[in-house]
Amino acid sequence: MTHGLQAPARFAFIKAQWHADIVDRSLDGFTETIPLNQIETFDVPGAFEMPLMAQKLALTGKYDAVICAAFVVDGGIYRHDFVASAVVDGLMRVGLDTGVPVLSVSLTPHQYQETDHHNAIYRDHFVTKGREAASAALAILKAHDTVAA
């Protein structure tokens, strides 16, 4: 789809519900730039479920970009860096396989404690990352438009 003078871009925004009180703030930041009426949101249980949902949404042809947000912390069962790597690799593969840009707002802090102080820091950080994702989404769509035939 081209976006110069065409219909407004459509975005799918996937939010992992693990630490939803933090992750949901990314949508707040995203909607500071992208109007809510251009965004459809989808909740999944955790980060690991995002790539498959992103693939399903990208293949519908309804969305110009898919944004995925998650907070991956060390839960003690398996290493959070393993989960984060698998998720980001999966999201990259979805973008490459479908041609639909897939952006990640997935944070993996090395030091996280479930305290009011840390939670406040990460809530604020997710708002910032949501803003950055909106700017990146618009920039990549514009870049894609320059190479559209």
N, C-alpha and C. Protein backbone atom coordinates (compact mmCIF):
# COMPACT_ATOMS: atom_id res chain seq x y z
N MET A 1 0.84 -1.18 0.00
CA MET A 1 0.00 0.00 0.00
C MET A 1 0.88 1.24 0.00
N THR A 2 0.43 2.23 -0.70
CA THR A 2 1.14 3.50 -0.64
C THR A 2 0.40 4.42 0.31
N HIS A 3 1.12 5.36 0.89
CA HIS A 3 0.52 6.17 1.93
C HIS A 3 0.56 7.66 1.64
N GLY A 4 1.16 8.07 0.53
CA GLY A 4 1.26 9.49 0.23
C GLY A 4 -0.08 10.18 0.25
N LEU A 5 -0.96 9.85 -0.69
CA LEU A 5 -2.27 10.49 -0.76
C LEU A 5 -3.39 9.47 -0.62
N GLN A 6 -3.04 8.28 -0.24
CA GLN A 6 -4.02 7.20 -0.11
C GLN A 6 -4.67 7.23 1.28
N ALA A 7 -5.43 6.20 1.55
CA ALA A 7 -6.08 6.05 2.86
C ALA A 7 -5.00 6.01 3.95
N PRO A 8 -5.36 6.42 5.16
CA PRO A 8 -4.39 6.37 6.26
C PRO A 8 -3.90 4.94 6.49
N ALA A 9 -2.67 4.85 6.95
CA ALA A 9 -2.09 3.54 7.25
C ALA A 9 -2.86 2.87 8.38
N ARG A 10 -2.87 1.55 8.35
CA ARG A 10 -3.52 0.75 9.39
C ARG A 10 -2.42 -0.02 10.14
N PHE A 11 -2.55 -0.07 11.45
CA PHE A 11 -1.56 -0.71 12.30
C PHE A 11 -2.22 -1.75 13.20
N ALA A 12 -1.56 -2.90 13.31
CA ALA A 12 -1.93 -3.90 14.31
C ALA A 12 -0.94 -3.74 15.46
N PHE A 13 -1.46 -3.67 16.66
CA PHE A 13 -0.61 -3.48 17.84
C PHE A 13 -0.86 -4.65 18.79
N ILE A 14 0.15 -5.51 18.94
CA ILE A 14 0.06 -6.69 19.78
C ILE A 14 0.73 -6.39 21.12
N LYS A 15 0.01 -6.70 22.21
CA LYS A 15 0.54 -6.47 23.55
C LYS A 15 0.57 -7.78 24.32
N ALA A 16 1.74 -8.14 24.80
CA ALA A 16 1.85 -9.30 25.69
C ALA A 16 1.28 -8.90 27.05
N GLN A 17 0.51 -9.78 27.65
CA GLN A 17 -0.17 -9.46 28.89
C GLN A 17 0.64 -9.77 30.15
N TRP A 18 1.81 -10.33 30.00
CA TRP A 18 2.69 -10.51 31.15
C TRP A 18 3.19 -9.12 31.52
N HIS A 19 2.92 -8.65 32.70
CA HIS A 19 3.21 -7.28 33.14
C HIS A 19 2.43 -6.27 32.30
N ALA A 20 1.17 -6.54 32.05
CA ALA A 20 0.33 -5.67 31.21
C ALA A 20 0.29 -4.24 31.71
N ASP A 21 0.35 -4.04 33.02
CA ASP A 21 0.32 -2.68 33.55
C ASP A 21 1.50 -1.85 33.07
N ILE A 22 2.58 -2.51 32.71
CA ILE A 22 3.76 -1.83 32.15
C ILE A 22 3.68 -1.81 30.63
N VAL A 23 3.45 -2.96 30.02
CA VAL A 23 3.46 -3.10 28.56
C VAL A 23 2.41 -2.21 27.89
N ASP A 24 1.23 -2.11 28.48
CA ASP A 24 0.16 -1.31 27.88
C ASP A 24 0.53 0.15 27.72
N ARG A 25 1.49 0.63 28.47
CA ARG A 25 1.93 2.03 28.35
C ARG A 25 2.55 2.29 26.97
N SER A 26 3.05 1.26 26.30
CA SER A 26 3.62 1.46 24.97
C SER A 26 2.56 1.93 23.99
N LEU A 27 1.34 1.45 24.14
CA LEU A 27 0.25 1.90 23.28
C LEU A 27 -0.07 3.37 23.56
N ASP A 28 0.04 3.79 24.82
CA ASP A 28 -0.16 5.19 25.15
C ASP A 28 0.81 6.07 24.37
N GLY A 29 2.08 5.68 24.35
CA GLY A 29 3.08 6.44 23.61
C GLY A 29 2.83 6.40 22.11
N PHE A 30 2.45 5.24 21.61
CA PHE A 30 2.20 5.07 20.18
C PHE A 30 1.06 5.97 19.71
N THR A 31 0.02 6.08 20.53
CA THR A 31 -1.15 6.87 20.13
C THR A 31 -0.93 8.38 20.29
N GLU A 32 0.19 8.78 20.82
CA GLU A 32 0.54 10.21 20.82
C GLU A 32 0.84 10.68 19.40
N THR A 33 1.23 9.75 18.53
CA THR A 33 1.57 10.07 17.14
C THR A 33 0.57 9.50 16.15
N ILE A 34 0.14 8.28 16.37
CA ILE A 34 -0.77 7.58 15.46
C ILE A 34 -2.17 7.61 16.08
N PRO A 35 -3.17 8.11 15.35
CA PRO A 35 -4.53 8.15 15.90
C PRO A 35 -5.06 6.75 16.20
N LEU A 36 -5.78 6.63 17.30
CA LEU A 36 -6.32 5.35 17.74
C LEU A 36 -7.21 4.70 16.69
N ASN A 37 -7.87 5.50 15.86
CA ASN A 37 -8.75 4.91 14.84
C ASN A 37 -7.98 4.23 13.71
N GLN A 38 -6.66 4.34 13.70
CA GLN A 38 -5.83 3.65 12.71
C GLN A 38 -5.18 2.40 13.29
N ILE A 39 -5.50 2.09 14.54
CA ILE A 39 -4.84 1.01 15.26
C ILE A 39 -5.87 -0.01 15.73
N GLU A 40 -5.54 -1.28 15.52
CA GLU A 40 -6.33 -2.35 16.10
C GLU A 40 -5.42 -3.08 17.08
N THR A 41 -5.88 -3.27 18.31
CA THR A 41 -5.04 -3.90 19.32
C THR A 41 -5.42 -5.35 19.55
N PHE A 42 -4.41 -6.12 19.90
CA PHE A 42 -4.57 -7.55 20.15
C PHE A 42 -3.73 -7.91 21.37
N ASP A 43 -4.33 -8.62 22.31
CA ASP A 43 -3.61 -9.07 23.49
C ASP A 43 -3.27 -10.56 23.34
N VAL A 44 -2.05 -10.90 23.72
CA VAL A 44 -1.61 -12.30 23.76
C VAL A 44 -1.06 -12.57 25.16
N PRO A 45 -1.00 -13.83 25.58
CA PRO A 45 -0.57 -14.12 26.94
C PRO A 45 0.84 -13.60 27.28
N GLY A 46 1.79 -13.85 26.40
CA GLY A 46 3.17 -13.43 26.67
C GLY A 46 3.92 -13.17 25.39
N ALA A 47 5.18 -12.85 25.52
CA ALA A 47 6.02 -12.51 24.37
C ALA A 47 6.14 -13.65 23.37
N PHE A 48 6.22 -14.87 23.87
CA PHE A 48 6.43 -16.02 23.00
C PHE A 48 5.29 -16.19 22.00
N GLU A 49 4.12 -15.69 22.32
CA GLU A 49 2.96 -15.82 21.44
C GLU A 49 2.89 -14.72 20.38
N MET A 50 3.74 -13.72 20.47
CA MET A 50 3.66 -12.60 19.53
C MET A 50 4.00 -12.94 18.08
N PRO A 51 5.06 -13.69 17.78
CA PRO A 51 5.38 -13.93 16.38
C PRO A 51 4.26 -14.60 15.58
N LEU A 52 3.62 -15.61 16.15
CA LEU A 52 2.54 -16.28 15.43
C LEU A 52 1.37 -15.33 15.20
N MET A 53 1.02 -14.54 16.21
CA MET A 53 -0.07 -13.57 16.05
C MET A 53 0.32 -12.52 15.01
N ALA A 54 1.57 -12.08 15.04
CA ALA A 54 2.04 -11.10 14.06
C ALA A 54 1.93 -11.67 12.64
N GLN A 55 2.29 -12.92 12.49
CA GLN A 55 2.19 -13.57 11.18
C GLN A 55 0.75 -13.63 10.70
N LYS A 56 -0.15 -14.07 11.58
CA LYS A 56 -1.56 -14.16 11.21
C LYS A 56 -2.11 -12.80 10.79
N LEU A 57 -1.76 -11.75 11.53
CA LEU A 57 -2.24 -10.41 11.22
C LEU A 57 -1.63 -9.88 9.93
N ALA A 58 -0.33 -10.10 9.75
CA ALA A 58 0.34 -9.62 8.53
C ALA A 58 -0.26 -10.28 7.29
N LEU A 59 -0.58 -11.56 7.39
CA LEU A 59 -1.11 -12.29 6.24
C LEU A 59 -2.54 -11.89 5.87
N THR A 60 -3.24 -11.18 6.76
CA THR A 60 -4.60 -10.74 6.42
C THR A 60 -4.60 -9.67 5.34
N GLY A 61 -3.50 -8.94 5.20
CA GLY A 61 -3.44 -7.85 4.24
C GLY A 61 -4.13 -6.59 4.73
N LYS A 62 -4.64 -6.59 5.95
CA LYS A 62 -5.37 -5.44 6.50
C LYS A 62 -4.46 -4.38 7.11
N TYR A 63 -3.21 -4.74 7.39
CA TYR A 63 -2.34 -3.85 8.15
C TYR A 63 -1.09 -3.50 7.36
N ASP A 64 -0.68 -2.25 7.50
CA ASP A 64 0.53 -1.78 6.85
C ASP A 64 1.77 -2.08 7.68
N ALA A 65 1.58 -2.23 8.98
CA ALA A 65 2.68 -2.58 9.88
C ALA A 65 2.08 -3.23 11.13
N VAL A 66 2.91 -4.05 11.76
CA VAL A 66 2.52 -4.73 13.00
C VAL A 66 3.53 -4.33 14.07
N ILE A 67 3.04 -3.89 15.20
CA ILE A 67 3.89 -3.49 16.31
C ILE A 67 3.64 -4.47 17.45
N CYS A 68 4.72 -4.94 18.07
CA CYS A 68 4.62 -5.95 19.13
C CYS A 68 5.32 -5.44 20.38
N ALA A 69 4.63 -5.47 21.50
CA ALA A 69 5.18 -4.97 22.75
C ALA A 69 5.16 -6.04 23.83
N ALA A 70 6.30 -6.18 24.53
CA ALA A 70 6.40 -7.16 25.61
C ALA A 70 7.48 -6.72 26.59
N PHE A 71 7.36 -7.22 27.80
CA PHE A 71 8.35 -6.99 28.85
C PHE A 71 8.82 -8.37 29.28
N VAL A 72 10.03 -8.72 28.90
CA VAL A 72 10.55 -10.06 29.15
C VAL A 72 11.56 -9.99 30.29
N VAL A 73 11.17 -10.54 31.43
CA VAL A 73 12.05 -10.52 32.59
C VAL A 73 12.42 -11.95 32.98
N ASP A 74 13.48 -12.07 33.73
CA ASP A 74 13.94 -13.37 34.17
C ASP A 74 12.95 -13.94 35.18
N GLY A 75 12.24 -14.97 34.75
CA GLY A 75 11.22 -15.56 35.62
C GLY A 75 11.69 -16.79 36.36
N GLY A 76 12.94 -17.18 36.16
CA GLY A 76 13.48 -18.32 36.89
C GLY A 76 13.27 -19.67 36.23
N ILE A 77 12.30 -19.78 35.30
CA ILE A 77 12.06 -21.06 34.64
C ILE A 77 13.09 -21.27 33.52
N TYR A 78 13.20 -20.28 32.67
CA TYR A 78 14.27 -20.28 31.68
C TYR A 78 14.75 -18.86 31.50
N ARG A 79 15.90 -18.74 30.93
CA ARG A 79 16.54 -17.42 30.85
C ARG A 79 15.77 -16.48 29.94
N HIS A 80 15.59 -15.27 30.42
CA HIS A 80 14.83 -14.29 29.66
C HIS A 80 15.52 -13.91 28.35
N ASP A 81 16.86 -14.00 28.30
CA ASP A 81 17.54 -13.66 27.05
C ASP A 81 17.23 -14.69 25.97
N PHE A 82 17.02 -15.94 26.35
CA PHE A 82 16.61 -16.97 25.39
C PHE A 82 15.24 -16.63 24.81
N VAL A 83 14.30 -16.28 25.67
CA VAL A 83 12.95 -15.93 25.24
C VAL A 83 13.00 -14.71 24.33
N ALA A 84 13.69 -13.67 24.77
CA ALA A 84 13.76 -12.43 23.99
C ALA A 84 14.36 -12.67 22.61
N SER A 85 15.42 -13.44 22.55
CA SER A 85 16.06 -13.75 21.28
C SER A 85 15.12 -14.50 20.34
N ALA A 86 14.43 -15.51 20.89
CA ALA A 86 13.50 -16.28 20.07
C ALA A 86 12.36 -15.40 19.55
N VAL A 87 11.87 -14.52 20.39
CA VAL A 87 10.76 -13.64 20.00
C VAL A 87 11.21 -12.68 18.91
N VAL A 88 12.31 -12.00 19.11
CA VAL A 88 12.77 -11.02 18.13
C VAL A 88 13.13 -11.70 16.81
N ASP A 89 13.76 -12.87 16.87
CA ASP A 89 14.05 -13.62 15.64
C ASP A 89 12.74 -13.99 14.93
N GLY A 90 11.74 -14.43 15.69
CA GLY A 90 10.45 -14.78 15.09
C GLY A 90 9.78 -13.58 14.45
N LEU A 91 9.82 -12.43 15.12
CA LEU A 91 9.21 -11.22 14.56
C LEU A 91 9.93 -10.79 13.28
N MET A 92 11.25 -10.88 13.28
CA MET A 92 12.01 -10.54 12.07
C MET A 92 11.62 -11.46 10.92
N ARG A 93 11.49 -12.73 11.21
CA ARG A 93 11.10 -13.70 10.18
C ARG A 93 9.73 -13.38 9.61
N VAL A 94 8.79 -12.98 10.46
CA VAL A 94 7.45 -12.62 9.99
C VAL A 94 7.55 -11.46 9.00
N GLY A 95 8.31 -10.44 9.34
CA GLY A 95 8.47 -9.31 8.44
C GLY A 95 9.10 -9.71 7.11
N LEU A 96 10.13 -10.51 7.17
CA LEU A 96 10.80 -10.95 5.95
C LEU A 96 9.90 -11.85 5.10
N ASP A 97 9.17 -12.75 5.75
CA ASP A 97 8.32 -13.69 5.02
C ASP A 97 7.07 -13.04 4.42
N THR A 98 6.55 -12.01 5.09
CA THR A 98 5.29 -11.42 4.62
C THR A 98 5.46 -10.10 3.89
N GLY A 99 6.60 -9.44 4.07
CA GLY A 99 6.80 -8.12 3.47
C GLY A 99 6.12 -7.00 4.25
N VAL A 100 5.50 -7.33 5.38
CA VAL A 100 4.86 -6.34 6.24
C VAL A 100 5.84 -5.97 7.35
N PRO A 101 6.14 -4.69 7.53
CA PRO A 101 7.05 -4.31 8.61
C PRO A 101 6.51 -4.74 9.97
N VAL A 102 7.39 -5.34 10.76
CA VAL A 102 7.06 -5.76 12.12
C VAL A 102 8.06 -5.08 13.04
N LEU A 103 7.53 -4.27 13.95
CA LEU A 103 8.39 -3.54 14.87
C LEU A 103 8.25 -4.11 16.27
N SER A 104 9.34 -4.10 17.01
CA SER A 104 9.34 -4.66 18.35
C SER A 104 9.55 -3.57 19.39
N VAL A 105 8.68 -3.57 20.38
CA VAL A 105 8.83 -2.73 21.57
C VAL A 105 8.97 -3.72 22.73
N SER A 106 9.96 -4.57 22.62
CA SER A 106 10.16 -5.63 23.61
C SER A 106 11.41 -5.30 24.42
N LEU A 107 11.22 -5.11 25.70
CA LEU A 107 12.33 -4.77 26.58
C LEU A 107 12.70 -5.95 27.45
N THR A 108 14.00 -6.13 27.66
CA THR A 108 14.51 -7.25 28.45
C THR A 108 15.54 -6.73 29.44
N PRO A 109 15.10 -6.13 30.53
CA PRO A 109 16.06 -5.58 31.49
C PRO A 109 16.85 -6.68 32.19
N HIS A 110 18.11 -6.38 32.42
CA HIS A 110 18.95 -7.35 33.15
C HIS A 110 18.67 -7.30 34.64
N GLN A 111 18.30 -6.16 35.14
CA GLN A 111 18.02 -6.00 36.56
C GLN A 111 16.61 -5.46 36.73
N TYR A 112 15.68 -6.31 37.09
CA TYR A 112 14.32 -5.87 37.34
C TYR A 112 13.84 -6.47 38.64
N GLN A 113 13.31 -5.62 39.48
CA GLN A 113 12.68 -6.07 40.71
C GLN A 113 11.27 -5.50 40.72
N GLU A 114 10.32 -6.30 41.10
CA GLU A 114 8.93 -5.87 41.07
C GLU A 114 8.65 -4.95 42.27
N THR A 115 9.19 -3.74 42.16
CA THR A 115 8.99 -2.72 43.19
C THR A 115 8.26 -1.55 42.54
N ASP A 116 7.66 -0.70 43.35
CA ASP A 116 6.98 0.48 42.82
C ASP A 116 7.95 1.34 42.02
N HIS A 117 9.17 1.47 42.52
CA HIS A 117 10.17 2.30 41.84
C HIS A 117 10.50 1.75 40.45
N HIS A 118 10.83 0.46 40.36
CA HIS A 118 11.15 -0.14 39.05
C HIS A 118 9.94 -0.11 38.12
N ASN A 119 8.77 -0.42 38.65
CA ASN A 119 7.58 -0.42 37.81
C ASN A 119 7.32 0.97 37.22
N ALA A 120 7.50 2.01 38.01
CA ALA A 120 7.31 3.38 37.51
C ALA A 120 8.33 3.71 36.41
N ILE A 121 9.57 3.30 36.61
CA ILE A 121 10.61 3.54 35.60
C ILE A 121 10.23 2.87 34.29
N TYR A 122 9.82 1.61 34.34
CA TYR A 122 9.53 0.87 33.11
C TYR A 122 8.21 1.32 32.47
N ARG A 123 7.24 1.72 33.26
CA ARG A 123 6.02 2.29 32.66
C ARG A 123 6.36 3.51 31.83
N ASP A 124 7.15 4.41 32.40
CA ASP A 124 7.57 5.61 31.66
C ASP A 124 8.39 5.24 30.42
N HIS A 125 9.26 4.26 30.58
CA HIS A 125 10.12 3.85 29.46
C HIS A 125 9.28 3.26 28.32
N PHE A 126 8.24 2.51 28.65
CA PHE A 126 7.39 1.95 27.61
C PHE A 126 6.62 3.03 26.86
N VAL A 127 6.25 4.11 27.53
CA VAL A 127 5.62 5.24 26.81
C VAL A 127 6.60 5.78 25.79
N THR A 128 7.83 5.99 26.21
CA THR A 128 8.87 6.49 25.29
C THR A 128 9.07 5.52 24.13
N LYS A 129 9.17 4.24 24.42
CA LYS A 129 9.37 3.25 23.36
C LYS A 129 8.18 3.19 22.41
N GLY A 130 6.97 3.41 22.92
CA GLY A 130 5.79 3.48 22.06
C GLY A 130 5.88 4.66 21.10
N ARG A 131 6.31 5.81 21.61
CA ARG A 131 6.52 6.98 20.73
C ARG A 131 7.53 6.67 19.64
N GLU A 132 8.64 6.05 20.05
CA GLU A 132 9.69 5.70 19.09
C GLU A 132 9.18 4.71 18.05
N ALA A 133 8.35 3.76 18.47
CA ALA A 133 7.80 2.79 17.53
C ALA A 133 6.89 3.47 16.51
N ALA A 134 6.11 4.44 16.95
CA ALA A 134 5.23 5.18 16.03
C ALA A 134 6.07 5.92 14.98
N SER A 135 7.11 6.58 15.43
CA SER A 135 7.99 7.30 14.48
C SER A 135 8.66 6.32 13.52
N ALA A 136 9.11 5.20 14.05
CA ALA A 136 9.76 4.20 13.20
C ALA A 136 8.78 3.60 12.20
N ALA A 137 7.56 3.34 12.64
CA ALA A 137 6.55 2.77 11.74
C ALA A 137 6.26 3.73 10.59
N LEU A 138 6.07 5.00 10.89
CA LEU A 138 5.82 5.98 9.83
C LEU A 138 7.02 6.10 8.90
N ALA A 139 8.22 6.08 9.46
CA ALA A 139 9.43 6.20 8.65
C ALA A 139 9.60 5.00 7.73
N ILE A 140 9.36 3.78 8.23
CA ILE A 140 9.54 2.61 7.38
C ILE A 140 8.48 2.55 6.29
N LEU A 141 7.26 2.98 6.59
CA LEU A 141 6.23 3.00 5.56
C LEU A 141 6.58 4.01 4.48
N LYS A 142 7.10 5.15 4.87
CA LYS A 142 7.52 6.16 3.90
C LYS A 142 8.67 5.63 3.04
N ALA A 143 9.61 4.95 3.68
CA ALA A 143 10.72 4.38 2.94
C ALA A 143 10.24 3.31 1.96
N HIS A 144 9.30 2.49 2.39
CA HIS A 144 8.74 1.46 1.51
C HIS A 144 8.02 2.11 0.32
N ASP A 145 7.33 3.22 0.57
CA ASP A 145 6.63 3.92 -0.51
C ASP A 145 7.60 4.42 -1.59
N THR A 146 8.81 4.76 -1.20
CA THR A 146 9.78 5.29 -2.18
C THR A 146 10.25 4.21 -3.14
N VAL A 147 10.12 2.95 -2.77
CA VAL A 147 10.54 1.87 -3.66
C VAL A 147 9.36 1.13 -4.28
N ALA A 148 8.14 1.58 -3.98
CA ALA A 148 6.96 0.94 -4.57
C ALA A 148 6.92 1.20 -6.06
N ALA A 149 6.55 0.18 -6.79
CA ALA A 149 6.52 0.30 -8.26
C ALA A 149 5.23 0.93 -8.74
